[in-house]
Amino acid sequence: MPQVTIEGNELTIYLLGEAEDVSIEVYDDCQNPVANNTYQGDEMIVTFNLTALESNQCYYLYLSIDDISYIGEFCF
């Protein structure tokens, strides 16, 4: 699994290799969509700016890299 960091409202994904398509979907704890972004390119580090995130909330991250999907939860 790639390393994912969240600092402020920036979500950074450190890819393990080159990827053609990186997409994220972020939902709040009531499954309301908060963010949906796609990156296409050849960078090994991809950063998304998630301005809609609020403090003291938990979110679900759906991360897709090419044909592989990951699901995670994060709070801040």
C-alpha atoms as a PDB file:
ATOM      1  CA  MET A   1       0.000   0.000   0.000  1.00  0.00           C
ATOM      2  CA  PRO A   2       1.297   3.476  -0.773  1.00  0.00           C
ATOM      3  CA  GLN A   3       2.067   5.872   2.057  1.00  0.00           C
ATOM      4  CA  VAL A   4      -0.593   8.550   2.577  1.00  0.00           C
ATOM      5  CA  THR A   5      -0.074  11.633   4.743  1.00  0.00           C
ATOM      6  CA  ILE A   6      -2.467  14.412   5.679  1.00  0.00           C
ATOM      7  CA  GLU A   7      -1.094  17.747   6.780  1.00  0.00           C
ATOM      8  CA  GLY A   8      -3.534  20.607   7.114  1.00  0.00           C
ATOM      9  CA  ASN A   9      -5.883  20.231   4.164  1.00  0.00           C
ATOM     10  CA  GLU A  10      -3.321  18.555   1.922  1.00  0.00           C
ATOM     11  CA  LEU A  11      -3.482  14.826   1.307  1.00  0.00           C
ATOM     12  CA  THR A  12      -0.230  13.483  -0.161  1.00  0.00           C
ATOM     13  CA  ILE A  13       0.172  10.038  -1.698  1.00  0.00           C
ATOM     14  CA  TYR A  14       3.666   8.559  -2.083  1.00  0.00           C
ATOM     15  CA  LEU A  15       3.354   6.000  -4.866  1.00  0.00           C
ATOM     16  CA  LEU A  16       5.402   2.801  -4.860  1.00  0.00           C
ATOM     17  CA  GLY A  17       5.882   3.008  -8.633  1.00  0.00           C
ATOM     18  CA  GLU A  18       4.583   4.884 -11.615  1.00  0.00           C
ATOM     19  CA  ALA A  19       0.823   5.070 -12.004  1.00  0.00           C
ATOM     20  CA  GLU A  20      -1.241   6.318 -14.900  1.00  0.00           C
ATOM     21  CA  ASP A  21      -4.364   7.173 -12.916  1.00  0.00           C
ATOM     22  CA  VAL A  22      -4.744   8.115  -9.238  1.00  0.00           C
ATOM     23  CA  SER A  23      -8.170   9.036  -7.903  1.00  0.00           C
ATOM     24  CA  ILE A  24      -9.565   9.727  -4.463  1.00  0.00           C
ATOM     25  CA  GLU A  25     -13.022   9.983  -2.993  1.00  0.00           C
ATOM     26  CA  VAL A  26     -13.471  11.299   0.545  1.00  0.00           C
ATOM     27  CA  TYR A  27     -16.695  10.881   2.523  1.00  0.00           C
ATOM     28  CA  ASP A  28     -17.656  12.098   5.976  1.00  0.00           C
ATOM     29  CA  ASP A  29     -18.895   9.722   8.685  1.00  0.00           C
ATOM     30  CA  CYS A  30     -22.473  10.003   7.298  1.00  0.00           C
ATOM     31  CA  GLN A  31     -21.230   8.913   3.842  1.00  0.00           C
ATOM     32  CA  ASN A  32     -21.710  12.410   2.370  1.00  0.00           C
ATOM     33  CA  PRO A  33     -19.162  13.132  -0.380  1.00  0.00           C
ATOM     34  CA  VAL A  34     -16.566  15.714   0.623  1.00  0.00           C
ATOM     35  CA  ALA A  35     -14.014  15.453  -2.191  1.00  0.00           C
ATOM     36  CA  ASN A  36     -13.513  13.673  -5.476  1.00  0.00           C
ATOM     37  CA  ASN A  37     -10.291  14.229  -7.422  1.00  0.00           C
ATOM     38  CA  THR A  38      -8.336  12.498 -10.168  1.00  0.00           C
ATOM     39  CA  TYR A  39      -4.684  12.844 -11.146  1.00  0.00           C
ATOM     40  CA  GLN A  40      -3.224  11.593 -14.399  1.00  0.00           C
ATOM     41  CA  GLY A  41       0.498  11.809 -14.944  1.00  0.00           C
ATOM     42  CA  ASP A  42       3.792  10.178 -14.091  1.00  0.00           C
ATOM     43  CA  GLU A  43       4.729  11.733 -10.755  1.00  0.00           C
ATOM     44  CA  MET A  44       5.692   9.541  -7.797  1.00  0.00           C
ATOM     45  CA  ILE A  45       4.218  12.012  -5.263  1.00  0.00           C
ATOM     46  CA  VAL A  46       0.654  13.215  -5.756  1.00  0.00           C
ATOM     47  CA  THR A  47      -0.916  15.937  -3.582  1.00  0.00           C
ATOM     48  CA  PHE A  48      -4.599  16.825  -3.362  1.00  0.00           C
ATOM     49  CA  ASN A  49      -5.888  19.962  -1.637  1.00  0.00           C
ATOM     50  CA  LEU A  50      -8.974  19.063   0.418  1.00  0.00           C
ATOM     51  CA  THR A  51     -10.393  22.426   1.463  1.00  0.00           C
ATOM     52  CA  ALA A  52     -13.753  21.000   2.615  1.00  0.00           C
ATOM     53  CA  LEU A  53     -12.296  19.033   5.555  1.00  0.00           C
ATOM     54  CA  GLU A  54     -13.227  20.173   9.055  1.00  0.00           C
ATOM     55  CA  SER A  55     -11.385  19.687  12.344  1.00  0.00           C
ATOM     56  CA  ASN A  56     -12.620  17.091  14.845  1.00  0.00           C
ATOM     57  CA  GLN A  57     -14.182  14.972  12.090  1.00  0.00           C
ATOM     58  CA  CYS A  58     -13.517  11.484  10.785  1.00  0.00           C
ATOM     59  CA  TYR A  59     -13.462  10.731   7.063  1.00  0.00           C
ATOM     60  CA  TYR A  60     -13.302   7.698   4.813  1.00  0.00           C
ATOM     61  CA  LEU A  61     -10.779   7.691   1.981  1.00  0.00           C
ATOM     62  CA  TYR A  62     -11.324   5.609  -1.133  1.00  0.00           C
ATOM     63  CA  LEU A  63      -8.044   5.584  -3.056  1.00  0.00           C
ATOM     64  CA  SER A  64      -7.699   4.051  -6.497  1.00  0.00           C
ATOM     65  CA  ILE A  65      -4.336   3.629  -8.214  1.00  0.00           C
ATOM     66  CA  ASP A  66      -4.727   2.257 -11.717  1.00  0.00           C
ATOM     67  CA  ASP A  67      -6.826  -0.891 -11.077  1.00  0.00           C
ATOM     68  CA  ILE A  68      -6.090  -1.301  -7.337  1.00  0.00           C
ATOM     69  CA  SER A  69      -8.360   0.199  -4.675  1.00  0.00           C
ATOM     70  CA  TYR A  70      -7.664   0.986  -1.026  1.00  0.00           C
ATOM     71  CA  ILE A  71     -10.062   2.123   1.712  1.00  0.00           C
ATOM     72  CA  GLY A  72      -9.011   3.889   4.885  1.00  0.00           C
ATOM     73  CA  GLU A  73     -10.315   6.072   7.679  1.00  0.00           C
ATOM     74  CA  PHE A  74      -8.669   9.170   9.107  1.00  0.00           C
ATOM     75  CA  CYS A  75      -9.581  11.745  11.750  1.00  0.00           C
ATOM     76  CA  PHE A  76      -8.252  15.160  12.670  1.00  0.00           C
END
